[in-house]
Amino acid sequence: MKVISDKETPGLGNKIESDSAFVNGFVGAAAPVAGVKKDRGKSGPNDVVMITGATISSRAVIRVIDDAIARWQPLLDAYREEKKP
């Protein structure tokens, strides 16, 4: 996951782009991704810890990723089936 640009409040919402803990939280996360608060911590393979003070921005990123996966997953699955020997 990489945010290319944003128009969020500097120091708050724009952390979706620069907060390495948030960005790295998507590595290995399973779909659909679920946002969890920092004090709850990750408990499952699809959990990503949201940024404190940027909950709406964190949720927006997660929603975009989940929507994209839902849209592309059937096509990816069909492609994999085609390529099986």
C-alpha atoms as a PDB file:
ATOM      1  CA  MET A   1       0.000   0.000   0.000  1.00  0.00           C
ATOM      2  CA  LYS A   2       1.283   3.432  -0.876  1.00  0.00           C
ATOM      3  CA  VAL A   3      -0.492   6.772  -0.709  1.00  0.00           C
ATOM      4  CA  ILE A   4       0.761   8.832  -3.617  1.00  0.00           C
ATOM      5  CA  SER A   5      -0.726  12.138  -2.521  1.00  0.00           C
ATOM      6  CA  ASP A   6      -3.252  13.568  -0.111  1.00  0.00           C
ATOM      7  CA  LYS A   7      -4.917  16.847   0.766  1.00  0.00           C
ATOM      8  CA  GLU A   8      -5.201  16.188   4.479  1.00  0.00           C
ATOM      9  CA  THR A   9      -4.384  18.426   7.425  1.00  0.00           C
ATOM     10  CA  PRO A  10      -0.609  18.543   7.895  1.00  0.00           C
ATOM     11  CA  GLY A  11       0.425  16.623  10.988  1.00  0.00           C
ATOM     12  CA  LEU A  12      -2.855  14.719  11.276  1.00  0.00           C
ATOM     13  CA  GLY A  13      -4.539  13.181   8.246  1.00  0.00           C
ATOM     14  CA  ASN A  14      -1.439  13.338   6.106  1.00  0.00           C
ATOM     15  CA  LYS A  15       0.150  10.714   8.344  1.00  0.00           C
ATOM     16  CA  ILE A  16      -1.523   8.146   6.077  1.00  0.00           C
ATOM     17  CA  GLU A  17       1.308   8.912   3.690  1.00  0.00           C
ATOM     18  CA  SER A  18       4.236   9.242   6.076  1.00  0.00           C
ATOM     19  CA  ASP A  19       3.486   7.121   9.166  1.00  0.00           C
ATOM     20  CA  SER A  20       5.631   4.064   8.518  1.00  0.00           C
ATOM     21  CA  ALA A  21       3.873   2.002  11.207  1.00  0.00           C
ATOM     22  CA  PHE A  22       0.526   2.543   9.455  1.00  0.00           C
ATOM     23  CA  VAL A  23       1.895   1.901   5.973  1.00  0.00           C
ATOM     24  CA  ASN A  24       3.881  -1.154   7.099  1.00  0.00           C
ATOM     25  CA  GLY A  25       0.800  -2.474   8.875  1.00  0.00           C
ATOM     26  CA  PHE A  26      -0.580  -3.518   5.497  1.00  0.00           C
ATOM     27  CA  VAL A  27       2.341  -5.845   4.804  1.00  0.00           C
ATOM     28  CA  GLY A  28       1.004  -9.374   5.071  1.00  0.00           C
ATOM     29  CA  ALA A  29      -2.504  -8.226   6.007  1.00  0.00           C
ATOM     30  CA  ALA A  30      -5.264 -10.422   4.623  1.00  0.00           C
ATOM     31  CA  ALA A  31      -8.332  -9.076   2.872  1.00  0.00           C
ATOM     32  CA  PRO A  32     -10.699  -7.685   3.845  1.00  0.00           C
ATOM     33  CA  VAL A  33      -8.583  -5.333   5.925  1.00  0.00           C
ATOM     34  CA  ALA A  34      -9.982  -4.236   9.283  1.00  0.00           C
ATOM     35  CA  GLY A  35      -8.890  -1.079  11.083  1.00  0.00           C
ATOM     36  CA  VAL A  36      -8.246  -1.351  14.813  1.00  0.00           C
ATOM     37  CA  LYS A  37      -7.419   1.298  17.383  1.00  0.00           C
ATOM     38  CA  LYS A  38      -3.868   1.479  18.695  1.00  0.00           C
ATOM     39  CA  ASP A  39      -4.821   0.461  22.247  1.00  0.00           C
ATOM     40  CA  ARG A  40      -6.562  -2.658  20.923  1.00  0.00           C
ATOM     41  CA  GLY A  41      -3.638  -3.697  18.758  1.00  0.00           C
ATOM     42  CA  LYS A  42      -3.532  -6.293  16.013  1.00  0.00           C
ATOM     43  CA  SER A  43      -5.278  -9.513  16.917  1.00  0.00           C
ATOM     44  CA  GLY A  44      -5.911 -11.053  13.519  1.00  0.00           C
ATOM     45  CA  PRO A  45      -4.276 -11.406  10.110  1.00  0.00           C
ATOM     46  CA  ASN A  46      -6.473  -8.739   8.573  1.00  0.00           C
ATOM     47  CA  ASP A  47      -6.016  -6.087  11.279  1.00  0.00           C
ATOM     48  CA  VAL A  48      -4.215  -2.813  10.599  1.00  0.00           C
ATOM     49  CA  VAL A  49      -3.627  -0.340  13.428  1.00  0.00           C
ATOM     50  CA  MET A  50      -5.157   3.020  12.522  1.00  0.00           C
ATOM     51  CA  ILE A  51      -3.459   6.364  13.163  1.00  0.00           C
ATOM     52  CA  THR A  52      -4.598   8.107  16.346  1.00  0.00           C
ATOM     53  CA  GLY A  53      -6.106  11.466  15.404  1.00  0.00           C
ATOM     54  CA  ALA A  54      -6.564  10.427  11.780  1.00  0.00           C
ATOM     55  CA  THR A  55      -9.327   7.863  12.126  1.00  0.00           C
ATOM     56  CA  ILE A  56     -11.322   9.092   9.128  1.00  0.00           C
ATOM     57  CA  SER A  57      -8.241   9.108   6.893  1.00  0.00           C
ATOM     58  CA  SER A  58      -7.206   5.657   8.121  1.00  0.00           C
ATOM     59  CA  ARG A  59     -10.679   4.282   7.460  1.00  0.00           C
ATOM     60  CA  ALA A  60     -10.721   5.875   3.999  1.00  0.00           C
ATOM     61  CA  VAL A  61      -7.461   4.152   3.027  1.00  0.00           C
ATOM     62  CA  ILE A  62      -8.764   0.821   4.342  1.00  0.00           C
ATOM     63  CA  ARG A  63     -12.060   1.252   2.461  1.00  0.00           C
ATOM     64  CA  VAL A  64     -10.249   2.032  -0.802  1.00  0.00           C
ATOM     65  CA  ILE A  65      -8.083  -1.079  -0.423  1.00  0.00           C
ATOM     66  CA  ASP A  66     -11.028  -3.315   0.484  1.00  0.00           C
ATOM     67  CA  ASP A  67     -13.101  -1.961  -2.429  1.00  0.00           C
ATOM     68  CA  ALA A  68     -10.242  -2.538  -4.873  1.00  0.00           C
ATOM     69  CA  ILE A  69      -9.690  -6.078  -3.633  1.00  0.00           C
ATOM     70  CA  ALA A  70     -13.403  -6.866  -3.872  1.00  0.00           C
ATOM     71  CA  ARG A  71     -13.427  -5.550  -7.429  1.00  0.00           C
ATOM     72  CA  TRP A  72     -10.273  -7.317  -8.637  1.00  0.00           C
ATOM     73  CA  GLN A  73     -10.314 -10.566  -6.660  1.00  0.00           C
ATOM     74  CA  PRO A  74     -12.772 -12.404  -8.942  1.00  0.00           C
ATOM     75  CA  LEU A  75     -10.656 -11.484 -11.967  1.00  0.00           C
ATOM     76  CA  LEU A  76      -7.454 -12.587 -10.259  1.00  0.00           C
ATOM     77  CA  ASP A  77      -9.048 -15.873  -9.198  1.00  0.00           C
ATOM     78  CA  ALA A  78     -10.290 -16.508 -12.750  1.00  0.00           C
ATOM     79  CA  TYR A  79      -6.820 -15.772 -14.126  1.00  0.00           C
ATOM     80  CA  ARG A  80      -5.223 -18.223 -11.698  1.00  0.00           C
ATOM     81  CA  GLU A  81      -7.737 -20.902 -12.713  1.00  0.00           C
ATOM     82  CA  GLU A  82      -6.897 -20.366 -16.382  1.00  0.00           C
ATOM     83  CA  LYS A  83      -3.181 -20.778 -15.724  1.00  0.00           C
ATOM     84  CA  LYS A  84      -3.526 -24.092 -13.837  1.00  0.00           C
ATOM     85  CA  PRO A  85      -2.048 -27.041 -15.793  1.00  0.00           C
END
